């Protein structure tokens, strides 16, 4: 019969070059900068694995983290492990 071909998962990447904030983080690789997760869904988790610091008031500052822009699969795996 028919062989199933692996489908390319096109939903994993989105780049919005016309966004007034693009790219919202410093990067040399704008071709691979993924805008799919403008707000990181891992923000509430202290063990997110990203590059974050805390402000003097104790607020998590993710402004230097590019994890959700380059590693979609990691974010999804991390969210699934939290279930």
Protein backbone atom coordinates (compact mmCIF):
# COMPACT_ATOMS: atom_id res chain seq x y z
CA UNK A 1 0.00 0.00 0.00
CA UNK A 2 1.10 3.54 0.68
CA UNK A 3 4.17 4.34 2.72
CA UNK A 4 3.74 7.04 5.29
CA UNK A 5 6.18 9.85 4.80
CA UNK A 6 7.41 11.82 7.74
CA UNK A 7 5.72 15.17 7.60
CA UNK A 8 7.83 18.23 8.05
CA UNK A 9 6.57 20.07 11.10
CA UNK A 10 6.20 23.56 9.73
CA UNK A 11 4.36 24.97 12.75
CA UNK A 12 7.57 24.89 14.81
CA UNK A 13 9.05 27.99 13.25
CA UNK A 14 7.69 31.48 12.63
CA UNK A 15 9.64 34.64 11.89
CA UNK A 16 7.87 38.00 11.97
CA UNK A 17 10.36 40.38 10.38
CA UNK A 18 7.88 43.25 10.23
CA UNK A 19 7.42 43.23 14.00
CA UNK A 20 8.63 46.53 15.46
CA UNK A 21 10.66 44.58 18.05
CA UNK A 22 12.26 42.05 15.67
CA UNK A 23 14.56 40.64 16.84
CA UNK A 24 13.62 41.21 20.46
CA UNK A 25 16.96 39.80 21.65
CA UNK A 26 20.49 40.50 20.49
CA UNK A 27 21.43 37.93 17.87
CA UNK A 28 23.66 37.46 14.87
CA UNK A 29 21.43 34.75 13.43
CA UNK A 30 18.19 36.51 12.43
CA UNK A 31 17.49 33.85 9.77
CA UNK A 32 16.91 31.24 12.46
CA UNK A 33 15.32 33.53 15.06
CA UNK A 34 11.97 32.00 15.97
CA UNK A 35 9.14 34.35 16.96
CA UNK A 36 6.72 31.53 17.74
CA UNK A 37 7.21 32.01 21.48
CA UNK A 38 7.44 35.73 22.06
CA UNK A 39 6.57 35.11 25.71
CA UNK A 40 8.29 32.04 27.11
CA UNK A 41 5.83 29.58 28.66
CA UNK A 42 8.60 28.41 31.00
CA UNK A 43 8.82 31.80 32.76
CA UNK A 44 7.00 30.64 35.93
CA UNK A 45 9.36 27.68 36.43
CA UNK A 46 12.58 28.24 38.37
CA UNK A 47 14.16 25.22 36.65
CA UNK A 48 13.45 26.42 33.10
CA UNK A 49 17.02 25.91 31.88
CA UNK A 50 17.26 29.35 30.33
CA UNK A 51 19.64 32.24 30.81
CA UNK A 52 17.91 34.37 33.43
CA UNK A 53 18.81 36.53 36.40
CA UNK A 54 16.84 38.11 39.21
CA UNK A 55 16.40 41.84 39.68
CA UNK A 56 17.12 43.50 43.02
CA UNK A 57 13.40 43.18 43.78
CA UNK A 58 13.49 39.42 43.16
CA UNK A 59 11.72 39.43 39.78
CA UNK A 60 12.91 36.94 37.19
CA UNK A 61 14.56 38.77 34.29
CA UNK A 62 14.67 36.76 31.03
CA UNK A 63 15.73 39.63 28.79
CA UNK A 64 19.05 37.93 27.87
CA UNK A 65 17.54 34.50 27.30
CA UNK A 66 17.00 33.30 23.76
CA UNK A 67 16.02 29.71 24.64
CA UNK A 68 12.40 29.94 23.39
CA UNK A 69 13.58 31.55 20.14
CA UNK A 70 16.00 28.80 19.16
CA UNK A 71 14.92 25.59 20.89
CA UNK A 72 11.20 25.01 20.42
CA UNK A 73 11.54 21.26 21.01
CA UNK A 74 13.24 21.79 24.39
CA UNK A 75 10.43 24.08 25.56
CA UNK A 76 7.76 21.57 24.53
CA UNK A 77 9.60 18.65 26.21
CA UNK A 78 9.98 20.70 29.39
CA UNK A 79 6.26 21.59 29.42
CA UNK A 80 5.27 17.96 28.83
CA UNK A 81 7.47 16.79 31.71
CA UNK A 82 5.60 19.16 34.07
CA UNK A 83 2.27 17.36 33.57
